């Protein structure tokens, strides 16, 4: 029938289970804008058009939860967070299966790329047009998160091991990948000096 458009059901997840050992502080709770780095990442997903927002926590989980607005967010606890980012992705897919969620895609993000604007996340969600596509962020000669995976990749994401994260799946399926330019995505706040520099300029 004419006039009917397909709106994919996309889930969004922020991977925030790490201990931020290089920061010497709880990175997720560092101030950014009117909230925290993690709060900002959650707000970006909420505004992106995803159907549901998930956050995977691990290290410092109790303390982080005390400082977050938990409205309309589902938190997942990853007891295997020391195994790296891949374990949080596995936890997310396992939860979908346990709850019988039927999403068309999964948008994977992290909390230390605050310079990406919300329009980038919206474009990722709007680009979910096939279950057999990956839409990845492109910065220079690199591709990575935030990235959206069609549901045909969920089984493969569930099998991730060690700390390879989602990039290994992207690299394996380059022919099925669409790139969206995200020059500010290369700015990764992985040290306190980097954070202080960018917070002074943009936070």
N, C-alpha and C. Protein backbone atom coordinates (compact mmCIF):
# COMPACT_ATOMS: atom_id res chain seq x y z
N UNK A 1 0.84 -1.20 0.00
CA UNK A 1 0.00 0.00 0.00
C UNK A 1 0.87 1.24 0.00
N UNK A 2 0.47 2.27 -0.73
CA UNK A 2 1.24 3.50 -0.76
C UNK A 2 1.02 4.28 0.52
N UNK A 3 2.02 5.10 0.86
CA UNK A 3 1.91 5.95 2.04
C UNK A 3 2.37 5.29 3.31
N UNK A 4 2.71 4.01 3.28
CA UNK A 4 3.20 3.32 4.47
C UNK A 4 4.71 3.24 4.41
N UNK A 5 5.39 3.75 5.45
CA UNK A 5 6.85 3.72 5.49
C UNK A 5 7.32 2.78 6.59
N UNK A 6 8.46 2.18 6.36
CA UNK A 6 9.05 1.25 7.32
C UNK A 6 9.88 2.03 8.33
N UNK A 7 9.56 1.88 9.61
CA UNK A 7 10.36 2.51 10.66
C UNK A 7 11.00 1.40 11.49
N UNK A 8 12.29 1.22 11.34
CA UNK A 8 12.93 0.11 12.03
C UNK A 8 12.92 0.29 13.54
N UNK A 9 12.85 -0.84 14.24
CA UNK A 9 12.95 -0.83 15.69
C UNK A 9 14.41 -1.02 16.06
N UNK A 10 15.04 0.06 16.47
CA UNK A 10 16.47 0.02 16.79
C UNK A 10 16.65 0.20 18.29
N UNK A 11 17.46 -0.65 18.90
CA UNK A 11 17.85 -0.50 20.29
C UNK A 11 19.19 0.24 20.33
N UNK A 12 19.38 1.02 21.38
CA UNK A 12 20.65 1.69 21.58
C UNK A 12 21.28 1.25 22.88
N UNK A 13 22.59 1.02 22.88
CA UNK A 13 23.27 0.62 24.11
C UNK A 13 24.54 1.46 24.29
N UNK A 14 24.75 1.91 25.52
CA UNK A 14 26.01 2.56 25.89
C UNK A 14 26.83 1.53 26.67
N UNK A 15 28.02 1.24 26.16
CA UNK A 15 28.92 0.32 26.86
C UNK A 15 29.72 1.12 27.88
N UNK A 16 29.43 0.92 29.15
CA UNK A 16 30.03 1.75 30.20
C UNK A 16 30.46 0.93 31.40
N UNK A 17 30.97 -0.28 31.14
CA UNK A 17 31.29 -1.20 32.24
C UNK A 17 32.74 -1.12 32.70
N UNK A 18 33.59 -0.43 31.96
CA UNK A 18 35.02 -0.43 32.26
C UNK A 18 35.39 0.35 33.50
N UNK A 19 36.61 0.08 33.99
CA UNK A 19 37.08 0.70 35.23
C UNK A 19 37.82 2.01 35.01
N UNK A 20 38.10 2.38 33.76
CA UNK A 20 38.79 3.63 33.43
C UNK A 20 40.11 3.74 34.19
N UNK A 21 40.88 2.67 34.18
CA UNK A 21 42.10 2.63 34.99
C UNK A 21 43.12 3.70 34.59
N UNK A 22 43.14 4.08 33.32
CA UNK A 22 44.09 5.11 32.88
C UNK A 22 43.70 6.50 33.36
N UNK A 23 42.44 6.68 33.68
CA UNK A 23 41.96 8.00 34.11
C UNK A 23 42.23 8.27 35.58
N UNK A 24 42.36 7.21 36.37
CA UNK A 24 42.50 7.33 37.83
C UNK A 24 41.25 7.93 38.48
N UNK A 25 40.18 8.02 37.71
CA UNK A 25 38.89 8.48 38.21
C UNK A 25 37.80 7.68 37.51
N UNK A 26 36.58 7.81 37.99
CA UNK A 26 35.46 7.12 37.34
C UNK A 26 35.05 7.95 36.13
N UNK A 27 35.51 7.53 34.97
CA UNK A 27 35.28 8.32 33.75
C UNK A 27 33.80 8.60 33.52
N UNK A 28 32.96 7.61 33.74
CA UNK A 28 31.54 7.74 33.45
C UNK A 28 30.90 8.92 34.18
N UNK A 29 31.47 9.29 35.34
CA UNK A 29 30.86 10.33 36.18
C UNK A 29 31.54 11.70 36.04
N UNK A 30 32.52 11.82 35.17
CA UNK A 30 33.16 13.12 34.97
C UNK A 30 32.16 14.09 34.36
N UNK A 31 32.17 15.34 34.79
CA UNK A 31 31.19 16.32 34.29
C UNK A 31 31.30 16.55 32.79
N UNK A 32 30.13 16.72 32.15
CA UNK A 32 30.08 17.14 30.74
C UNK A 32 28.73 17.82 30.51
N UNK A 33 28.79 19.03 29.95
CA UNK A 33 27.58 19.83 29.79
C UNK A 33 26.89 19.95 31.15
N UNK A 34 25.60 19.67 31.21
CA UNK A 34 24.88 19.78 32.48
C UNK A 34 24.73 18.45 33.19
N UNK A 35 25.48 17.46 32.73
CA UNK A 35 25.37 16.12 33.31
C UNK A 35 26.78 15.52 33.43
N UNK A 36 26.91 14.26 33.10
CA UNK A 36 28.21 13.58 33.14
C UNK A 36 28.50 13.01 31.75
N UNK A 37 29.69 12.46 31.57
CA UNK A 37 30.00 11.84 30.28
C UNK A 37 28.99 10.74 29.95
N UNK A 38 28.67 9.91 30.94
CA UNK A 38 27.71 8.84 30.69
C UNK A 38 26.31 9.41 30.50
N UNK A 39 25.93 10.38 31.31
CA UNK A 39 24.62 11.00 31.16
C UNK A 39 24.45 11.65 29.80
N UNK A 40 25.51 12.27 29.31
CA UNK A 40 25.49 12.89 27.99
C UNK A 40 25.30 11.83 26.90
N UNK A 41 26.03 10.73 27.01
CA UNK A 41 25.91 9.65 26.02
C UNK A 41 24.51 9.08 26.02
N UNK A 42 23.91 8.93 27.19
CA UNK A 42 22.53 8.43 27.28
C UNK A 42 21.57 9.40 26.63
N UNK A 43 21.75 10.69 26.89
CA UNK A 43 20.88 11.70 26.29
C UNK A 43 20.97 11.68 24.76
N UNK A 44 22.18 11.48 24.25
CA UNK A 44 22.37 11.41 22.79
C UNK A 44 21.55 10.26 22.20
N UNK A 45 21.57 9.12 22.87
CA UNK A 45 20.80 7.97 22.38
C UNK A 45 19.31 8.22 22.50
N UNK A 46 18.89 8.80 23.62
CA UNK A 46 17.46 9.08 23.80
C UNK A 46 16.92 9.97 22.69
N UNK A 47 17.75 10.90 22.22
CA UNK A 47 17.31 11.85 21.20
C UNK A 47 17.52 11.33 19.77
N UNK A 48 18.06 10.14 19.64
CA UNK A 48 18.45 9.65 18.31
C UNK A 48 17.31 8.97 17.55
N UNK A 49 16.25 8.60 18.28
CA UNK A 49 15.16 7.89 17.64
C UNK A 49 15.16 6.40 17.89
N UNK A 50 16.03 5.92 18.81
CA UNK A 50 16.02 4.49 19.11
C UNK A 50 14.76 4.14 19.90
N UNK A 51 14.38 2.88 19.81
CA UNK A 51 13.17 2.40 20.48
C UNK A 51 13.37 2.28 21.98
N UNK A 52 14.56 1.85 22.39
CA UNK A 52 14.84 1.61 23.80
C UNK A 52 16.33 1.82 24.05
N UNK A 53 16.66 2.36 25.23
CA UNK A 53 18.05 2.64 25.58
C UNK A 53 18.49 1.69 26.69
N UNK A 54 19.63 1.04 26.46
CA UNK A 54 20.24 0.15 27.44
C UNK A 54 21.61 0.72 27.83
N UNK A 55 22.02 0.46 29.05
CA UNK A 55 23.36 0.85 29.51
C UNK A 55 23.96 -0.36 30.23
N UNK A 56 25.14 -0.75 29.81
CA UNK A 56 25.81 -1.88 30.45
C UNK A 56 26.84 -1.33 31.44
N UNK A 57 26.70 -1.73 32.70
CA UNK A 57 27.61 -1.30 33.75
C UNK A 57 28.35 -2.50 34.33
N UNK A 58 29.46 -2.22 34.98
CA UNK A 58 30.26 -3.28 35.60
C UNK A 58 31.03 -2.72 36.77
N UNK A 59 32.23 -2.19 36.52
CA UNK A 59 33.02 -1.57 37.57
C UNK A 59 32.29 -0.34 38.12
N UNK A 60 32.34 -0.17 39.43
CA UNK A 60 31.74 1.01 40.08
C UNK A 60 30.24 1.15 39.80
N UNK A 61 29.58 0.03 39.54
CA UNK A 61 28.17 0.08 39.14
C UNK A 61 27.28 0.79 40.15
N UNK A 62 27.42 0.44 41.42
CA UNK A 62 26.54 1.02 42.45
C UNK A 62 26.72 2.53 42.53
N UNK A 63 27.96 2.98 42.52
CA UNK A 63 28.24 4.41 42.62
C UNK A 63 27.71 5.17 41.40
N UNK A 64 27.89 4.59 40.23
CA UNK A 64 27.41 5.23 39.01
C UNK A 64 25.89 5.37 39.03
N UNK A 65 25.20 4.33 39.44
CA UNK A 65 23.73 4.36 39.47
C UNK A 65 23.22 5.44 40.42
N UNK A 66 23.97 5.71 41.48
CA UNK A 66 23.55 6.73 42.44
C UNK A 66 23.56 8.13 41.84
N UNK A 67 24.31 8.31 40.76
CA UNK A 67 24.49 9.64 40.19
C UNK A 67 23.80 9.83 38.84
N UNK A 68 22.97 8.86 38.44
CA UNK A 68 22.34 8.93 37.12
C UNK A 68 20.83 9.07 37.21
N UNK A 69 20.28 9.77 36.24
CA UNK A 69 18.83 9.76 36.05
C UNK A 69 18.48 8.48 35.29
N UNK A 70 17.81 7.58 35.94
CA UNK A 70 17.56 6.25 35.37
C UNK A 70 16.23 6.14 34.64
N UNK A 71 15.56 7.27 34.44
CA UNK A 71 14.24 7.24 33.81
C UNK A 71 14.32 6.76 32.35
N UNK A 72 13.48 5.79 32.03
CA UNK A 72 13.37 5.25 30.66
C UNK A 72 14.68 4.63 30.16
N UNK A 73 15.44 4.08 31.05
CA UNK A 73 16.69 3.40 30.68
C UNK A 73 16.68 2.02 31.33
N UNK A 74 17.20 1.05 30.63
CA UNK A 74 17.34 -0.28 31.22
C UNK A 74 18.83 -0.56 31.42
N UNK A 75 19.19 -0.83 32.66
CA UNK A 75 20.59 -1.09 32.99
C UNK A 75 20.85 -2.59 33.04
N UNK A 76 21.96 -2.99 32.46
CA UNK A 76 22.39 -4.38 32.47
C UNK A 76 23.69 -4.48 33.25
N UNK A 77 23.79 -5.47 34.11
CA UNK A 77 24.98 -5.65 34.93
C UNK A 77 25.88 -6.71 34.32
N UNK A 78 27.11 -6.31 34.01
CA UNK A 78 28.07 -7.22 33.39
C UNK A 78 29.13 -7.64 34.41
N UNK A 79 28.97 -8.84 34.95
CA UNK A 79 29.93 -9.34 35.93
C UNK A 79 31.28 -9.68 35.30
N UNK A 80 31.29 -9.79 33.97
CA UNK A 80 32.53 -10.15 33.27
C UNK A 80 33.21 -8.92 32.64
N UNK A 81 33.00 -7.74 33.22
CA UNK A 81 33.48 -6.51 32.61
C UNK A 81 35.00 -6.48 32.43
N UNK A 82 35.73 -7.22 33.26
CA UNK A 82 37.20 -7.24 33.13
C UNK A 82 37.65 -7.88 31.82
N UNK A 83 36.77 -8.63 31.17
CA UNK A 83 37.09 -9.26 29.90
C UNK A 83 36.99 -8.28 28.73
N UNK A 84 36.58 -7.06 29.01
CA UNK A 84 36.59 -6.03 27.97
C UNK A 84 35.22 -5.74 27.38
N UNK A 85 35.24 -4.85 26.40
CA UNK A 85 34.02 -4.33 25.80
C UNK A 85 33.17 -5.42 25.14
N UNK A 86 33.83 -6.42 24.59
CA UNK A 86 33.09 -7.48 23.90
C UNK A 86 32.12 -8.18 24.86
N UNK A 87 32.51 -8.32 26.13
CA UNK A 87 31.64 -9.00 27.09
C UNK A 87 30.34 -8.21 27.32
N UNK A 88 30.40 -6.89 27.21
CA UNK A 88 29.20 -6.07 27.37
C UNK A 88 28.28 -6.19 26.16
N UNK A 89 28.87 -6.36 24.98
CA UNK A 89 28.07 -6.58 23.78
C UNK A 89 27.36 -7.93 23.88
N UNK A 90 28.10 -8.94 24.31
CA UNK A 90 27.51 -10.28 24.49
C UNK A 90 26.37 -10.22 25.50
N UNK A 91 26.59 -9.50 26.59
CA UNK A 91 25.55 -9.36 27.63
C UNK A 91 24.27 -8.73 27.05
N UNK A 92 24.44 -7.75 26.19
CA UNK A 92 23.29 -7.07 25.59
C UNK A 92 22.48 -8.01 24.71
N UNK A 93 23.17 -8.76 23.84
CA UNK A 93 22.47 -9.68 22.93
C UNK A 93 21.80 -10.80 23.72
N UNK A 94 22.48 -11.30 24.75
CA UNK A 94 21.88 -12.34 25.59
C UNK A 94 20.60 -11.82 26.25
N UNK A 95 20.63 -10.59 26.67
CA UNK A 95 19.44 -10.01 27.31
C UNK A 95 18.29 -9.90 26.31
N UNK A 96 18.59 -9.51 25.09
CA UNK A 96 17.54 -9.46 24.06
C UNK A 96 16.87 -10.82 23.91
N UNK A 97 17.69 -11.87 23.89
CA UNK A 97 17.15 -13.22 23.73
C UNK A 97 16.32 -13.64 24.93
N UNK A 98 16.80 -13.31 26.13
CA UNK A 98 16.08 -13.68 27.35
C UNK A 98 14.71 -13.00 27.42
N UNK A 99 14.65 -11.76 26.94
CA UNK A 99 13.42 -10.98 27.03
C UNK A 99 12.56 -11.09 25.77
N UNK A 100 13.04 -11.86 24.80
CA UNK A 100 12.33 -12.01 23.51
C UNK A 100 12.12 -10.68 22.80
N UNK A 101 13.11 -9.80 22.92
CA UNK A 101 13.06 -8.54 22.19
C UNK A 101 13.32 -8.82 20.71
N UNK A 102 12.61 -8.11 19.87
CA UNK A 102 12.77 -8.29 18.43
C UNK A 102 13.13 -6.95 17.79
N UNK A 103 14.39 -6.59 17.90
CA UNK A 103 14.87 -5.34 17.32
C UNK A 103 15.42 -5.58 15.92
N UNK A 104 15.27 -4.57 15.07
CA UNK A 104 15.82 -4.66 13.71
C UNK A 104 17.30 -4.31 13.67
N UNK A 105 17.76 -3.59 14.68
CA UNK A 105 19.16 -3.19 14.71
C UNK A 105 19.59 -2.80 16.10
N UNK A 106 20.90 -2.76 16.30
CA UNK A 106 21.47 -2.36 17.58
C UNK A 106 22.52 -1.29 17.33
N UNK A 107 22.32 -0.12 17.95
CA UNK A 107 23.28 0.97 17.88
C UNK A 107 24.18 0.90 19.10
N UNK A 108 25.47 0.65 18.87
CA UNK A 108 26.44 0.51 19.94
C UNK A 108 27.23 1.80 20.08
N UNK A 109 27.26 2.34 21.31
CA UNK A 109 28.01 3.56 21.56
C UNK A 109 28.80 3.44 22.86
N UNK A 110 29.66 4.42 23.09
CA UNK A 110 30.47 4.47 24.31
C UNK A 110 30.30 5.87 24.91
N UNK A 111 30.86 6.09 26.09
CA UNK A 111 30.60 7.37 26.76
C UNK A 111 31.74 8.37 26.63
N UNK A 112 32.81 8.00 25.91
CA UNK A 112 33.95 8.92 25.86
C UNK A 112 34.16 9.54 24.47
N UNK A 113 33.05 9.72 23.73
CA UNK A 113 33.09 10.42 22.45
C UNK A 113 32.08 11.58 22.46
N UNK A 114 32.18 12.47 23.43
CA UNK A 114 31.12 13.48 23.63
C UNK A 114 31.07 14.56 22.55
N UNK A 115 32.08 14.63 21.69
CA UNK A 115 32.07 15.67 20.66
C UNK A 115 31.23 15.29 19.44
N UNK A 116 30.80 14.05 19.36
CA UNK A 116 29.86 13.67 18.29
C UNK A 116 28.52 14.33 18.57
N UNK A 117 27.94 14.98 17.56
CA UNK A 117 26.66 15.64 17.83
C UNK A 117 25.50 14.67 17.62
N UNK A 118 24.35 15.06 18.17
CA UNK A 118 23.20 14.15 18.17
C UNK A 118 22.71 13.82 16.77
N UNK A 119 22.97 14.70 15.81
CA UNK A 119 22.54 14.42 14.43
C UNK A 119 23.25 13.20 13.87
N UNK A 120 24.47 12.96 14.32
CA UNK A 120 25.19 11.78 13.83
C UNK A 120 24.47 10.51 14.27
N UNK A 121 24.02 10.47 15.51
CA UNK A 121 23.29 9.31 16.01
C UNK A 121 21.96 9.14 15.28
N UNK A 122 21.31 10.26 15.00
CA UNK A 122 20.05 10.19 14.26
C UNK A 122 20.27 9.62 12.86
N UNK A 123 21.34 10.02 12.21
CA UNK A 123 21.65 9.51 10.87
C UNK A 123 21.92 8.02 10.91
N UNK A 124 22.60 7.56 11.95
CA UNK A 124 22.86 6.13 12.08
C UNK A 124 21.55 5.35 12.17
N UNK A 125 20.63 5.84 12.99
CA UNK A 125 19.35 5.15 13.17
C UNK A 125 18.55 5.17 11.87
N UNK A 126 18.52 6.32 11.21
CA UNK A 126 17.76 6.45 9.96
C UNK A 126 18.35 5.59 8.84
N UNK A 127 19.61 5.21 8.97
CA UNK A 127 20.27 4.41 7.93
C UNK A 127 20.03 2.92 8.09
N UNK A 128 19.28 2.54 9.14
CA UNK A 128 18.98 1.12 9.36
C UNK A 128 17.88 0.69 8.41
N UNK A 129 18.27 0.29 7.22
CA UNK A 129 17.29 -0.06 6.18
C UNK A 129 17.33 -1.53 5.81
N UNK A 130 18.27 -2.27 6.40
CA UNK A 130 18.40 -3.69 6.08
C UNK A 130 18.96 -4.44 7.27
N UNK A 131 18.46 -5.64 7.54
CA UNK A 131 19.01 -6.44 8.65
C UNK A 131 20.41 -6.95 8.37
N UNK A 132 20.85 -6.80 7.11
CA UNK A 132 22.14 -7.34 6.71
C UNK A 132 23.16 -6.23 6.41
N UNK A 133 23.00 -5.09 7.11
CA UNK A 133 23.89 -3.96 6.92
C UNK A 133 24.49 -3.52 8.25
N UNK A 134 25.72 -3.00 8.17
CA UNK A 134 26.38 -2.35 9.29
C UNK A 134 26.59 -0.90 8.89
N UNK A 135 26.19 0.02 9.75
CA UNK A 135 26.45 1.44 9.51
C UNK A 135 27.44 1.89 10.56
N UNK A 136 28.66 2.19 10.14
CA UNK A 136 29.74 2.50 11.06
C UNK A 136 30.17 3.96 10.93
N UNK A 137 30.71 4.49 12.01
CA UNK A 137 31.25 5.84 11.99
C UNK A 137 32.65 5.81 11.39
N UNK A 138 32.93 6.80 10.55
CA UNK A 138 34.21 6.86 9.86
C UNK A 138 34.95 8.12 10.28
N UNK A 139 36.20 7.93 10.74
CA UNK A 139 37.03 9.08 11.09
C UNK A 139 38.42 8.86 10.50
N UNK A 140 38.70 9.66 9.46
CA UNK A 140 39.96 9.48 8.75
C UNK A 140 39.98 8.14 8.05
N UNK A 141 41.00 7.35 8.32
CA UNK A 141 41.11 6.03 7.70
C UNK A 141 40.63 4.93 8.63
N UNK A 142 39.89 5.31 9.67
CA UNK A 142 39.39 4.33 10.63
C UNK A 142 37.87 4.28 10.60
N UNK A 143 37.33 3.13 10.98
CA UNK A 143 35.89 3.00 11.19
C UNK A 143 35.66 2.35 12.55
N UNK A 144 34.54 2.69 13.17
CA UNK A 144 34.27 2.11 14.48
C UNK A 144 32.95 2.59 15.04
N UNK A 145 32.87 2.61 16.36
CA UNK A 145 31.64 3.04 17.04
C UNK A 145 31.61 4.55 17.14
N UNK A 146 30.40 5.10 17.28
CA UNK A 146 29.12 4.41 17.30
C UNK A 146 28.83 3.74 15.96
N UNK A 147 28.27 2.55 16.06
CA UNK A 147 27.95 1.78 14.86
C UNK A 147 26.64 1.04 15.08
N UNK A 148 25.91 0.90 13.99
CA UNK A 148 24.62 0.21 14.05
C UNK A 148 24.72 -1.11 13.28
N UNK A 149 24.30 -2.17 13.94
CA UNK A 149 24.35 -3.51 13.35
C UNK A 149 22.94 -4.02 13.11
N UNK A 150 22.65 -4.40 11.86
CA UNK A 150 21.39 -5.04 11.55
C UNK A 150 21.27 -6.36 12.30
N UNK A 151 20.04 -6.83 12.49
CA UNK A 151 19.82 -7.98 13.36
C UNK A 151 20.46 -9.27 12.85
N UNK A 152 20.80 -9.33 11.57
CA UNK A 152 21.46 -10.53 11.07
C UNK A 152 22.85 -10.73 11.68
N UNK A 153 23.38 -9.69 12.32
CA UNK A 153 24.71 -9.78 12.93
C UNK A 153 24.65 -10.07 14.43
N UNK A 154 23.45 -10.18 14.99
CA UNK A 154 23.34 -10.37 16.43
C UNK A 154 24.00 -11.67 16.89
N UNK A 155 23.81 -12.73 16.14
CA UNK A 155 24.41 -14.02 16.52
C UNK A 155 25.93 -13.92 16.56
N UNK A 156 26.48 -13.22 15.60
CA UNK A 156 27.94 -13.05 15.55
C UNK A 156 28.43 -12.16 16.70
N UNK A 157 27.68 -11.12 17.01
CA UNK A 157 28.06 -10.26 18.13
C UNK A 157 28.04 -11.04 19.44
N UNK A 158 27.11 -11.97 19.56
CA UNK A 158 27.00 -12.76 20.78
C UNK A 158 28.20 -13.68 20.98
N UNK A 159 28.90 -13.98 19.90
CA UNK A 159 30.05 -14.90 19.97
C UNK A 159 31.38 -14.18 20.18
N UNK A 160 31.35 -12.87 20.33
CA UNK A 160 32.59 -12.11 20.51
C UNK A 160 33.33 -12.59 21.76
N UNK A 161 34.63 -12.68 21.64
CA UNK A 161 35.47 -13.08 22.78
C UNK A 161 36.64 -12.10 22.90
N UNK A 162 37.19 -12.04 24.10
CA UNK A 162 38.29 -11.14 24.40
C UNK A 162 37.88 -9.70 24.12
N UNK A 163 38.82 -8.79 24.15
CA UNK A 163 38.46 -7.39 24.06
C UNK A 163 38.60 -6.84 22.65
N UNK A 164 37.96 -7.49 21.70
CA UNK A 164 38.01 -7.00 20.33
C UNK A 164 36.86 -6.03 20.03
N UNK A 165 35.85 -6.04 20.86
CA UNK A 165 34.71 -5.16 20.64
C UNK A 165 34.04 -5.44 19.31
N UNK A 166 33.30 -4.44 18.83
CA UNK A 166 32.52 -4.62 17.61
C UNK A 166 33.35 -4.42 16.35
N UNK A 167 34.54 -3.84 16.48
CA UNK A 167 35.36 -3.56 15.30
C UNK A 167 35.70 -4.81 14.52
N UNK A 168 35.87 -5.92 15.21
CA UNK A 168 36.23 -7.16 14.53
C UNK A 168 35.12 -7.61 13.59
N UNK A 169 33.87 -7.38 13.99
CA UNK A 169 32.73 -7.74 13.13
C UNK A 169 32.66 -6.78 11.95
N UNK A 170 32.92 -5.52 12.19
CA UNK A 170 32.93 -4.54 11.10
C UNK A 170 33.98 -4.91 10.06
N UNK A 171 35.19 -5.21 10.53
CA UNK A 171 36.29 -5.52 9.60
C UNK A 171 36.01 -6.80 8.80
N UNK A 172 35.28 -7.71 9.37
CA UNK A 172 34.97 -8.97 8.70
C UNK A 172 33.93 -8.79 7.60
N UNK A 173 33.13 -7.73 7.70
CA UNK A 173 32.01 -7.56 6.76
C UNK A 173 32.06 -6.18 6.09
N UNK A 174 33.22 -5.81 5.61
CA UNK A 174 33.38 -4.49 5.00
C UNK A 174 32.47 -4.30 3.79
N UNK A 175 32.18 -5.39 3.08
CA UNK A 175 31.32 -5.28 1.89
C UNK A 175 29.87 -4.98 2.26
N UNK A 176 29.51 -5.18 3.53
CA UNK A 176 28.14 -4.93 3.97
C UNK A 176 28.04 -3.67 4.83
N UNK A 177 29.13 -2.89 4.83
CA UNK A 177 29.21 -1.73 5.70
C UNK A 177 28.94 -0.44 4.94
N UNK A 178 28.20 0.45 5.57
CA UNK A 178 28.02 1.83 5.11
C UNK A 178 28.76 2.73 6.09
N UNK A 179 29.52 3.69 5.57
CA UNK A 179 30.27 4.59 6.44
C UNK A 179 29.57 5.94 6.54
N UNK A 180 29.52 6.48 7.76
CA UNK A 180 29.03 7.83 7.98
C UNK A 180 30.17 8.64 8.58
N UNK A 181 30.49 9.74 7.94
CA UNK A 181 31.62 10.56 8.37
C UNK A 181 31.38 11.11 9.78
N UNK A 182 32.38 10.94 10.65
CA UNK A 182 32.28 11.42 12.03
C UNK A 182 33.65 11.88 12.50
N UNK A 183 34.15 13.01 11.97
CA UNK A 183 35.51 13.44 12.28
C UNK A 183 35.80 13.61 13.76
N UNK A 184 34.80 14.03 14.52
CA UNK A 184 35.02 14.23 15.96
C UNK A 184 35.02 12.91 16.74
N UNK A 185 34.66 11.83 16.08
CA UNK A 185 34.64 10.54 16.77
C UNK A 185 36.02 10.03 17.12
N UNK A 186 37.02 10.59 16.49
CA UNK A 186 38.40 10.14 16.75
C UNK A 186 38.90 10.64 18.09
N UNK A 187 38.23 11.64 18.64
CA UNK A 187 38.63 12.21 19.92
C UNK A 187 38.10 11.32 21.03
N UNK A 188 39.00 10.57 21.63
CA UNK A 188 38.67 9.57 22.64
C UNK A 188 39.26 10.04 23.96
N UNK A 189 38.41 10.31 24.93
CA UNK A 189 38.88 10.85 26.21
C UNK A 189 39.39 9.73 27.10
N UNK A 190 40.58 9.23 26.80
CA UNK A 190 41.09 8.07 27.52
C UNK A 190 42.13 8.42 28.58
N UNK A 191 42.46 9.71 28.73
CA UNK A 191 43.35 10.15 29.81
C UNK A 191 42.75 11.39 30.45
N UNK A 192 43.13 11.66 31.68
CA UNK A 192 42.58 12.83 32.37
C UNK A 192 43.06 14.11 31.72
N UNK A 193 44.26 14.12 31.16
CA UNK A 193 44.76 15.32 30.48
C UNK A 193 43.90 15.64 29.24
N UNK A 194 43.56 14.61 28.47
CA UNK A 194 42.69 14.80 27.30
C UNK A 194 41.33 15.33 27.75
N UNK A 195 40.79 14.70 28.79
CA UNK A 195 39.49 15.13 29.28
C UNK A 195 39.53 16.60 29.70
N UNK A 196 40.54 16.99 30.49
CA UNK A 196 40.62 18.36 30.96
C UNK A 196 40.72 19.35 29.80
N UNK A 197 41.49 18.97 28.78
CA UNK A 197 41.66 19.84 27.60
C UNK A 197 40.33 20.06 26.90
N UNK A 198 39.62 18.97 26.61
CA UNK A 198 38.38 19.09 25.85
C UNK A 198 37.23 19.61 26.71
N UNK A 199 37.28 19.34 27.99
CA UNK A 199 36.24 19.87 28.87
C UNK A 199 36.34 21.40 28.94
N UNK A 200 37.57 21.89 29.00
CA UNK A 200 37.77 23.34 29.06
C UNK A 200 37.27 24.00 27.78
N UNK A 201 37.39 23.31 26.65
CA UNK A 201 37.00 23.89 25.37
C UNK A 201 35.53 23.68 25.02
N UNK A 202 34.98 22.51 25.40
CA UNK A 202 33.64 22.13 24.91
C UNK A 202 32.66 21.71 26.01
N UNK A 203 33.19 21.34 27.17
CA UNK A 203 32.31 20.74 28.19
C UNK A 203 31.50 21.74 28.97
